[in-house]
């Protein structure tokens, strides 16, 4: 816990602000893609990326909806923590996300996909009594109810994979945080299929896009010219908190 507090105090204020902003942009890509798909009529092309031999073997496990929902807090924390790896790496991180979001946006418009939650048993589970089932119902209601859209590639899996790629093997990040990120990323990927929010191919497509974008940006390394740049809000969270105490 002490190491975690020290890590938080080292965070620059720009990183603390960037975390929630990136999450908003991520969700915006999903919503805008769905809106444009609907306005242009390409949503009529939507198809299900289901592989029955795989997806029908995966049970619905309502408890995983908790992990699915907590993923939003997980990402904000990770988007902030990655700032500890330095400006050069953080700019590369932003470029990776930009490439991933752009490709997802095109998929959502020109290659829309869907999942039939009624056929998958999700709606029946969501209508059962209980807190977990109520959360499932809330998530389904906010995202098409019987039909979920924009599945391929999975933004949940993509974002989680990118987070792990940028903290793994980084000495600036505590080992416990790196392990937490790996476990969190794996659980989030599992939650997408155990809650019938995605099919298996969506998971692998999201991870593949994260890996390929990470490799591409790593080769180009656009962040190298920002390594010593001065950014607004350079003051650390610790310095800001100490000033508030005075």
C-alpha atoms as a PDB file:
ATOM      1  CA  UNK A   1       0.000   0.000   0.000  1.00  0.00           C
ATOM      2  CA  UNK A   2       2.891   2.348   0.800  1.00  0.00           C
ATOM      3  CA  UNK A   3       4.445   1.735  -2.628  1.00  0.00           C
ATOM      4  CA  UNK A   4       1.091   2.410  -4.259  1.00  0.00           C
ATOM      5  CA  UNK A   5       0.775   5.754  -2.446  1.00  0.00           C
ATOM      6  CA  UNK A   6       4.293   6.708  -3.507  1.00  0.00           C
ATOM      7  CA  UNK A   7       3.497   5.770  -7.098  1.00  0.00           C
ATOM      8  CA  UNK A   8       0.348   7.895  -7.088  1.00  0.00           C
ATOM      9  CA  UNK A   9       2.230  10.879  -5.681  1.00  0.00           C
ATOM     10  CA  UNK A  10       4.695  10.690  -8.593  1.00  0.00           C
ATOM     11  CA  UNK A  11       1.960  10.979 -11.214  1.00  0.00           C
ATOM     12  CA  UNK A  12       1.875  14.254 -13.179  1.00  0.00           C
ATOM     13  CA  UNK A  13      -1.412  16.111 -13.118  1.00  0.00           C
ATOM     14  CA  UNK A  14      -1.766  15.884 -16.898  1.00  0.00           C
ATOM     15  CA  UNK A  15      -1.901  12.104 -16.566  1.00  0.00           C
ATOM     16  CA  UNK A  16      -4.629  12.252 -13.927  1.00  0.00           C
ATOM     17  CA  UNK A  17      -6.754  14.330 -16.305  1.00  0.00           C
ATOM     18  CA  UNK A  18      -5.871  12.265 -19.384  1.00  0.00           C
ATOM     19  CA  UNK A  19      -7.184   9.004 -17.912  1.00  0.00           C
ATOM     20  CA  UNK A  20     -10.907   9.894 -17.830  1.00  0.00           C
ATOM     21  CA  UNK A  21     -10.625  11.853 -21.104  1.00  0.00           C
ATOM     22  CA  UNK A  22      -9.263   8.806 -22.955  1.00  0.00           C
ATOM     23  CA  UNK A  23     -12.087   6.665 -21.586  1.00  0.00           C
ATOM     24  CA  UNK A  24     -14.656   9.189 -22.818  1.00  0.00           C
ATOM     25  CA  UNK A  25     -13.076   9.130 -26.284  1.00  0.00           C
ATOM     26  CA  UNK A  26     -13.096   5.337 -26.244  1.00  0.00           C
ATOM     27  CA  UNK A  27     -16.808   5.224 -25.488  1.00  0.00           C
ATOM     28  CA  UNK A  28     -17.375   7.992 -28.030  1.00  0.00           C
ATOM     29  CA  UNK A  29     -15.863   5.852 -30.788  1.00  0.00           C
ATOM     30  CA  UNK A  30     -18.389   3.141 -29.968  1.00  0.00           C
ATOM     31  CA  UNK A  31     -21.391   5.484 -29.866  1.00  0.00           C
ATOM     32  CA  UNK A  32     -20.417   7.525 -32.938  1.00  0.00           C
ATOM     33  CA  UNK A  33     -19.707   4.407 -34.957  1.00  0.00           C
ATOM     34  CA  UNK A  34     -23.125   3.023 -34.092  1.00  0.00           C
ATOM     35  CA  UNK A  35     -24.824   6.344 -34.890  1.00  0.00           C
ATOM     36  CA  UNK A  36     -23.178   6.727 -38.301  1.00  0.00           C
ATOM     37  CA  UNK A  37     -23.877   3.087 -39.100  1.00  0.00           C
ATOM     38  CA  UNK A  38     -27.546   3.682 -38.347  1.00  0.00           C
ATOM     39  CA  UNK A  39     -27.732   6.961 -40.308  1.00  0.00           C
ATOM     40  CA  UNK A  40     -26.030   5.518 -43.373  1.00  0.00           C
ATOM     41  CA  UNK A  41     -27.924   2.254 -43.232  1.00  0.00           C
ATOM     42  CA  UNK A  42     -24.823   0.088 -42.996  1.00  0.00           C
ATOM     43  CA  UNK A  43     -26.246  -1.383 -39.784  1.00  0.00           C
ATOM     44  CA  UNK A  44     -28.453  -3.447 -42.095  1.00  0.00           C
ATOM     45  CA  UNK A  45     -25.301  -5.350 -43.066  1.00  0.00           C
ATOM     46  CA  UNK A  46     -24.729  -6.481 -39.482  1.00  0.00           C
ATOM     47  CA  UNK A  47     -23.871 -10.131 -38.980  1.00  0.00           C
ATOM     48  CA  UNK A  48     -23.028 -12.372 -36.032  1.00  0.00           C
ATOM     49  CA  UNK A  49     -19.400 -13.527 -35.756  1.00  0.00           C
ATOM     50  CA  UNK A  50     -20.450 -16.624 -33.902  1.00  0.00           C
ATOM     51  CA  UNK A  51     -18.532 -19.883 -34.098  1.00  0.00           C
ATOM     52  CA  UNK A  52     -21.083 -22.330 -32.642  1.00  0.00           C
ATOM     53  CA  UNK A  53     -18.471 -25.008 -31.908  1.00  0.00           C
ATOM     54  CA  UNK A  54     -16.753 -22.540 -29.570  1.00  0.00           C
ATOM     55  CA  UNK A  55     -19.335 -20.018 -28.421  1.00  0.00           C
ATOM     56  CA  UNK A  56     -22.053 -22.545 -27.591  1.00  0.00           C
ATOM     57  CA  UNK A  57     -19.650 -24.261 -25.189  1.00  0.00           C
ATOM     58  CA  UNK A  58     -19.188 -21.087 -23.167  1.00  0.00           C
ATOM     59  CA  UNK A  59     -21.796 -20.790 -20.401  1.00  0.00           C
ATOM     60  CA  UNK A  60     -23.485 -17.614 -19.271  1.00  0.00           C
ATOM     61  CA  UNK A  61     -22.008 -16.673 -15.878  1.00  0.00           C
ATOM     62  CA  UNK A  62     -23.868 -13.573 -14.598  1.00  0.00           C
ATOM     63  CA  UNK A  63     -21.301 -12.861 -11.863  1.00  0.00           C
ATOM     64  CA  UNK A  64     -18.818 -11.814 -14.560  1.00  0.00           C
ATOM     65  CA  UNK A  65     -20.951  -8.743 -15.230  1.00  0.00           C
ATOM     66  CA  UNK A  66     -19.283  -7.205 -12.164  1.00  0.00           C
ATOM     67  CA  UNK A  67     -15.862  -7.507 -13.810  1.00  0.00           C
ATOM     68  CA  UNK A  68     -17.310  -6.214 -17.073  1.00  0.00           C
ATOM     69  CA  UNK A  69     -18.604  -3.073 -15.349  1.00  0.00           C
ATOM     70  CA  UNK A  70     -15.482  -2.546 -13.214  1.00  0.00           C
ATOM     71  CA  UNK A  71     -13.390  -2.563 -16.379  1.00  0.00           C
ATOM     72  CA  UNK A  72     -14.136   1.154 -16.785  1.00  0.00           C
ATOM     73  CA  UNK A  73     -12.451   1.957 -13.462  1.00  0.00           C
ATOM     74  CA  UNK A  74      -9.630  -0.436 -14.367  1.00  0.00           C
ATOM     75  CA  UNK A  75      -8.895   1.430 -17.604  1.00  0.00           C
ATOM     76  CA  UNK A  76      -8.913   4.880 -16.024  1.00  0.00           C
ATOM     77  CA  UNK A  77      -6.405   3.706 -13.436  1.00  0.00           C
ATOM     78  CA  UNK A  78      -4.190   2.075 -16.053  1.00  0.00           C
ATOM     79  CA  UNK A  79      -4.333   5.046 -18.418  1.00  0.00           C
ATOM     80  CA  UNK A  80      -3.051   7.183 -15.546  1.00  0.00           C
ATOM     81  CA  UNK A  81      -0.405   4.714 -14.311  1.00  0.00           C
ATOM     82  CA  UNK A  82       1.152   4.328 -17.777  1.00  0.00           C
ATOM     83  CA  UNK A  83       2.311   7.953 -17.432  1.00  0.00           C
ATOM     84  CA  UNK A  84       4.971   6.680 -14.995  1.00  0.00           C
ATOM     85  CA  UNK A  85       6.788   5.051 -17.917  1.00  0.00           C
ATOM     86  CA  UNK A  86       7.678   8.478 -19.325  1.00  0.00           C
ATOM     87  CA  UNK A  87       6.418  10.954 -21.890  1.00  0.00           C
ATOM     88  CA  UNK A  88       7.960   9.182 -24.857  1.00  0.00           C
ATOM     89  CA  UNK A  89       6.216   5.947 -24.013  1.00  0.00           C
ATOM     90  CA  UNK A  90       2.979   7.718 -23.104  1.00  0.00           C
ATOM     91  CA  UNK A  91       2.821   9.423 -26.505  1.00  0.00           C
ATOM     92  CA  UNK A  92       3.362   6.037 -28.148  1.00  0.00           C
ATOM     93  CA  UNK A  93       0.553   4.700 -25.973  1.00  0.00           C
ATOM     94  CA  UNK A  94      -1.744   7.458 -27.268  1.00  0.00           C
ATOM     95  CA  UNK A  95      -0.768   6.664 -30.850  1.00  0.00           C
ATOM     96  CA  UNK A  96      -1.526   2.978 -30.324  1.00  0.00           C
ATOM     97  CA  UNK A  97      -4.965   3.844 -28.982  1.00  0.00           C
ATOM     98  CA  UNK A  98      -5.547   6.260 -31.883  1.00  0.00           C
ATOM     99  CA  UNK A  99      -4.735   3.571 -34.458  1.00  0.00           C
ATOM    100  CA  UNK A 100      -6.916   1.023 -32.652  1.00  0.00           C
ATOM    101  CA  UNK A 101      -9.841   3.430 -32.294  1.00  0.00           C
ATOM    102  CA  UNK A 102      -9.649   4.447 -35.958  1.00  0.00           C
ATOM    103  CA  UNK A 103      -9.721   0.831 -37.129  1.00  0.00           C
ATOM    104  CA  UNK A 104     -12.548  -0.043 -34.732  1.00  0.00           C
ATOM    105  CA  UNK A 105     -14.487   2.978 -35.990  1.00  0.00           C
ATOM    106  CA  UNK A 106     -14.233   1.729 -39.571  1.00  0.00           C
ATOM    107  CA  UNK A 107     -15.301  -1.769 -38.530  1.00  0.00           C
ATOM    108  CA  UNK A 108     -18.309  -0.404 -36.637  1.00  0.00           C
ATOM    109  CA  UNK A 109     -19.458   1.508 -39.717  1.00  0.00           C
ATOM    110  CA  UNK A 110     -18.585  -0.779 -42.629  1.00  0.00           C
ATOM    111  CA  UNK A 111     -18.496  -4.214 -41.023  1.00  0.00           C
ATOM    112  CA  UNK A 112     -21.059  -4.026 -38.200  1.00  0.00           C
ATOM    113  CA  UNK A 113     -21.702  -7.079 -36.077  1.00  0.00           C
ATOM    114  CA  UNK A 114     -24.290  -8.087 -33.507  1.00  0.00           C
ATOM    115  CA  UNK A 115     -25.137 -10.645 -30.843  1.00  0.00           C
ATOM    116  CA  UNK A 116     -28.630 -11.979 -30.193  1.00  0.00           C
ATOM    117  CA  UNK A 117     -28.822 -11.852 -26.390  1.00  0.00           C
ATOM    118  CA  UNK A 118     -32.290 -13.403 -26.412  1.00  0.00           C
ATOM    119  CA  UNK A 119     -31.049 -16.493 -28.231  1.00  0.00           C
ATOM    120  CA  UNK A 120     -27.921 -16.635 -26.048  1.00  0.00           C
ATOM    121  CA  UNK A 121     -29.972 -16.681 -22.841  1.00  0.00           C
ATOM    122  CA  UNK A 122     -28.788 -13.328 -21.571  1.00  0.00           C
ATOM    123  CA  UNK A 123     -32.207 -11.692 -21.515  1.00  0.00           C
ATOM    124  CA  UNK A 124     -33.751 -14.548 -19.541  1.00  0.00           C
ATOM    125  CA  UNK A 125     -30.969 -14.273 -16.937  1.00  0.00           C
ATOM    126  CA  UNK A 126     -31.226 -10.488 -16.756  1.00  0.00           C
ATOM    127  CA  UNK A 127     -34.916 -10.725 -15.927  1.00  0.00           C
ATOM    128  CA  UNK A 128     -34.311 -12.945 -12.912  1.00  0.00           C
ATOM    129  CA  UNK A 129     -34.324 -11.363  -9.423  1.00  0.00           C
ATOM    130  CA  UNK A 130     -31.067 -10.434  -7.727  1.00  0.00           C
ATOM    131  CA  UNK A 131     -28.506  -7.636  -7.711  1.00  0.00           C
ATOM    132  CA  UNK A 132     -26.174  -9.192 -10.289  1.00  0.00           C
ATOM    133  CA  UNK A 133     -29.010  -9.879 -12.686  1.00  0.00           C
ATOM    134  CA  UNK A 134     -30.232  -6.308 -12.188  1.00  0.00           C
ATOM    135  CA  UNK A 135     -26.805  -5.046 -13.280  1.00  0.00           C
ATOM    136  CA  UNK A 136     -26.968  -7.284 -16.353  1.00  0.00           C
ATOM    137  CA  UNK A 137     -30.377  -5.868 -17.148  1.00  0.00           C
ATOM    138  CA  UNK A 138     -29.070  -2.314 -16.781  1.00  0.00           C
ATOM    139  CA  UNK A 139     -26.105  -2.991 -19.095  1.00  0.00           C
ATOM    140  CA  UNK A 140     -28.273  -4.717 -21.675  1.00  0.00           C
ATOM    141  CA  UNK A 141     -30.889  -1.951 -21.545  1.00  0.00           C
ATOM    142  CA  UNK A 142     -28.214   0.685 -22.146  1.00  0.00           C
ATOM    143  CA  UNK A 143     -26.840  -1.251 -25.095  1.00  0.00           C
ATOM    144  CA  UNK A 144     -29.635  -2.448 -27.352  1.00  0.00           C
ATOM    145  CA  UNK A 145     -31.370  -4.839 -24.936  1.00  0.00           C
ATOM    146  CA  UNK A 146     -32.029  -7.958 -27.060  1.00  0.00           C
ATOM    147  CA  UNK A 147     -29.361  -7.109 -29.647  1.00  0.00           C
ATOM    148  CA  UNK A 148     -25.855  -5.931 -28.846  1.00  0.00           C
ATOM    149  CA  UNK A 149     -23.885  -4.268 -31.644  1.00  0.00           C
ATOM    150  CA  UNK A 150     -20.340  -3.228 -32.554  1.00  0.00           C
ATOM    151  CA  UNK A 151     -18.712  -6.377 -31.252  1.00  0.00           C
ATOM    152  CA  UNK A 152     -15.784  -6.858 -33.633  1.00  0.00           C
ATOM    153  CA  UNK A 153     -13.147  -6.092 -32.508  1.00  0.00           C
ATOM    154  CA  UNK A 154     -13.906  -5.999 -28.788  1.00  0.00           C
ATOM    155  CA  UNK A 155     -13.021  -2.603 -27.319  1.00  0.00           C
ATOM    156  CA  UNK A 156     -12.994  -4.177 -23.860  1.00  0.00           C
ATOM    157  CA  UNK A 157     -10.329  -6.704 -24.848  1.00  0.00           C
ATOM    158  CA  UNK A 158      -8.398  -4.263 -27.005  1.00  0.00           C
ATOM    159  CA  UNK A 159      -8.113  -1.599 -24.301  1.00  0.00           C
ATOM    160  CA  UNK A 160      -7.182  -4.138 -21.625  1.00  0.00           C
ATOM    161  CA  UNK A 161      -4.493  -5.720 -23.810  1.00  0.00           C
ATOM    162  CA  UNK A 162      -2.968  -2.301 -24.607  1.00  0.00           C
ATOM    163  CA  UNK A 163      -2.807  -1.509 -20.893  1.00  0.00           C
ATOM    164  CA  UNK A 164      -0.844  -4.660 -20.159  1.00  0.00           C
ATOM    165  CA  UNK A 165       1.496  -4.197 -23.119  1.00  0.00           C
ATOM    166  CA  UNK A 166       2.518  -0.772 -21.811  1.00  0.00           C
ATOM    167  CA  UNK A 167       3.203  -1.805 -18.203  1.00  0.00           C
ATOM    168  CA  UNK A 168       4.793  -5.232 -18.644  1.00  0.00           C
ATOM    169  CA  UNK A 169       8.496  -5.453 -17.857  1.00  0.00           C
ATOM    170  CA  UNK A 170       8.558  -1.788 -16.829  1.00  0.00           C
ATOM    171  CA  UNK A 171      10.715  -1.217 -13.727  1.00  0.00           C
ATOM    172  CA  UNK A 172       8.944   2.113 -13.081  1.00  0.00           C
ATOM    173  CA  UNK A 173       5.752   0.176 -12.381  1.00  0.00           C
ATOM    174  CA  UNK A 174       5.561  -1.895  -9.209  1.00  0.00           C
ATOM    175  CA  UNK A 175       5.543  -5.647  -9.839  1.00  0.00           C
ATOM    176  CA  UNK A 176       2.247  -5.974  -7.983  1.00  0.00           C
ATOM    177  CA  UNK A 177       0.636  -3.455 -10.331  1.00  0.00           C
ATOM    178  CA  UNK A 178       1.960  -5.317 -13.373  1.00  0.00           C
ATOM    179  CA  UNK A 179       0.529  -8.595 -12.083  1.00  0.00           C
ATOM    180  CA  UNK A 180      -2.758  -6.858 -11.267  1.00  0.00           C
ATOM    181  CA  UNK A 181      -2.898  -5.472 -14.823  1.00  0.00           C
ATOM    182  CA  UNK A 182      -2.339  -8.892 -16.372  1.00  0.00           C
ATOM    183  CA  UNK A 183      -4.949 -10.565 -14.191  1.00  0.00           C
ATOM    184  CA  UNK A 184      -7.395  -7.714 -14.766  1.00  0.00           C
ATOM    185  CA  UNK A 185      -6.912  -7.852 -18.547  1.00  0.00           C
ATOM    186  CA  UNK A 186      -7.494 -11.615 -18.633  1.00  0.00           C
ATOM    187  CA  UNK A 187     -10.606 -11.391 -16.452  1.00  0.00           C
ATOM    188  CA  UNK A 188     -12.056  -8.568 -18.546  1.00  0.00           C
ATOM    189  CA  UNK A 189     -11.562 -10.599 -21.730  1.00  0.00           C
ATOM    190  CA  UNK A 190     -13.274 -13.570 -20.082  1.00  0.00           C
ATOM    191  CA  UNK A 191     -16.113 -11.365 -18.848  1.00  0.00           C
ATOM    192  CA  UNK A 192     -17.018 -10.325 -22.393  1.00  0.00           C
ATOM    193  CA  UNK A 193     -17.887 -13.890 -23.395  1.00  0.00           C
ATOM    194  CA  UNK A 194     -19.244 -15.123 -20.047  1.00  0.00           C
ATOM    195  CA  UNK A 195     -21.778 -12.267 -20.041  1.00  0.00           C
ATOM    196  CA  UNK A 196     -22.737 -12.869 -23.685  1.00  0.00           C
ATOM    197  CA  UNK A 197     -21.572  -9.423 -24.678  1.00  0.00           C
ATOM    198  CA  UNK A 198     -19.139 -10.798 -27.245  1.00  0.00           C
ATOM    199  CA  UNK A 199     -18.245 -13.897 -29.193  1.00  0.00           C
ATOM    200  CA  UNK A 200     -14.834 -15.563 -29.034  1.00  0.00           C
ATOM    201  CA  UNK A 201     -13.646 -14.119 -32.341  1.00  0.00           C
ATOM    202  CA  UNK A 202     -14.305 -10.593 -31.035  1.00  0.00           C
ATOM    203  CA  UNK A 203     -11.900 -11.241 -28.163  1.00  0.00           C
ATOM    204  CA  UNK A 204      -9.096 -12.488 -30.387  1.00  0.00           C
ATOM    205  CA  UNK A 205      -9.671  -9.687 -32.898  1.00  0.00           C
ATOM    206  CA  UNK A 206      -9.359  -7.081 -30.131  1.00  0.00           C
ATOM    207  CA  UNK A 207      -6.152  -8.615 -28.785  1.00  0.00           C
ATOM    208  CA  UNK A 208      -4.704  -9.017 -32.295  1.00  0.00           C
ATOM    209  CA  UNK A 209      -5.415  -5.362 -33.096  1.00  0.00           C
ATOM    210  CA  UNK A 210      -3.768  -4.268 -29.838  1.00  0.00           C
ATOM    211  CA  UNK A 211      -0.654  -6.368 -30.556  1.00  0.00           C
ATOM    212  CA  UNK A 212      -0.285  -5.277 -34.174  1.00  0.00           C
ATOM    213  CA  UNK A 213      -0.796  -1.576 -33.344  1.00  0.00           C
ATOM    214  CA  UNK A 214       1.683  -1.835 -30.472  1.00  0.00           C
ATOM    215  CA  UNK A 215       4.257  -3.393 -32.812  1.00  0.00           C
ATOM    216  CA  UNK A 216       3.678  -0.777 -35.526  1.00  0.00           C
ATOM    217  CA  UNK A 217       3.960   2.228 -33.211  1.00  0.00           C
ATOM    218  CA  UNK A 218       6.938   0.662 -31.483  1.00  0.00           C
ATOM    219  CA  UNK A 219       8.729   0.546 -34.818  1.00  0.00           C
ATOM    220  CA  UNK A 220       7.794   4.117 -35.745  1.00  0.00           C
ATOM    221  CA  UNK A 221       8.333   5.451 -32.204  1.00  0.00           C
ATOM    222  CA  UNK A 222       6.574   8.829 -32.687  1.00  0.00           C
ATOM    223  CA  UNK A 223       6.990   9.609 -28.998  1.00  0.00           C
ATOM    224  CA  UNK A 224      10.777  10.015 -29.205  1.00  0.00           C
ATOM    225  CA  UNK A 225      10.518  13.728 -30.040  1.00  0.00           C
ATOM    226  CA  UNK A 226       8.354  14.374 -26.965  1.00  0.00           C
ATOM    227  CA  UNK A 227      10.736  12.789 -24.472  1.00  0.00           C
ATOM    228  CA  UNK A 228      12.026  16.088 -23.080  1.00  0.00           C
ATOM    229  CA  UNK A 229       9.074  18.287 -24.027  1.00  0.00           C
ATOM    230  CA  UNK A 230       7.442  20.471 -21.394  1.00  0.00           C
ATOM    231  CA  UNK A 231       3.723  19.843 -21.038  1.00  0.00           C
ATOM    232  CA  UNK A 232       1.045  21.756 -19.131  1.00  0.00           C
ATOM    233  CA  UNK A 233       0.278  20.530 -15.608  1.00  0.00           C
ATOM    234  CA  UNK A 234       3.759  19.090 -15.049  1.00  0.00           C
ATOM    235  CA  UNK A 235       3.310  19.317 -11.289  1.00  0.00           C
ATOM    236  CA  UNK A 236       2.979  15.900  -9.653  1.00  0.00           C
ATOM    237  CA  UNK A 237      -0.048  14.760  -7.687  1.00  0.00           C
ATOM    238  CA  UNK A 238       2.121  14.698  -4.548  1.00  0.00           C
ATOM    239  CA  UNK A 239       3.227  18.297  -5.013  1.00  0.00           C
ATOM    240  CA  UNK A 240      -0.343  19.375  -5.640  1.00  0.00           C
ATOM    241  CA  UNK A 241      -1.586  17.591  -2.515  1.00  0.00           C
ATOM    242  CA  UNK A 242       1.204  19.085  -0.373  1.00  0.00           C
ATOM    243  CA  UNK A 243       0.232  22.562  -1.547  1.00  0.00           C
ATOM    244  CA  UNK A 244      -3.388  21.926  -0.600  1.00  0.00           C
ATOM    245  CA  UNK A 245      -2.307  21.031   2.946  1.00  0.00           C
ATOM    246  CA  UNK A 246      -0.553  24.349   3.488  1.00  0.00           C
END
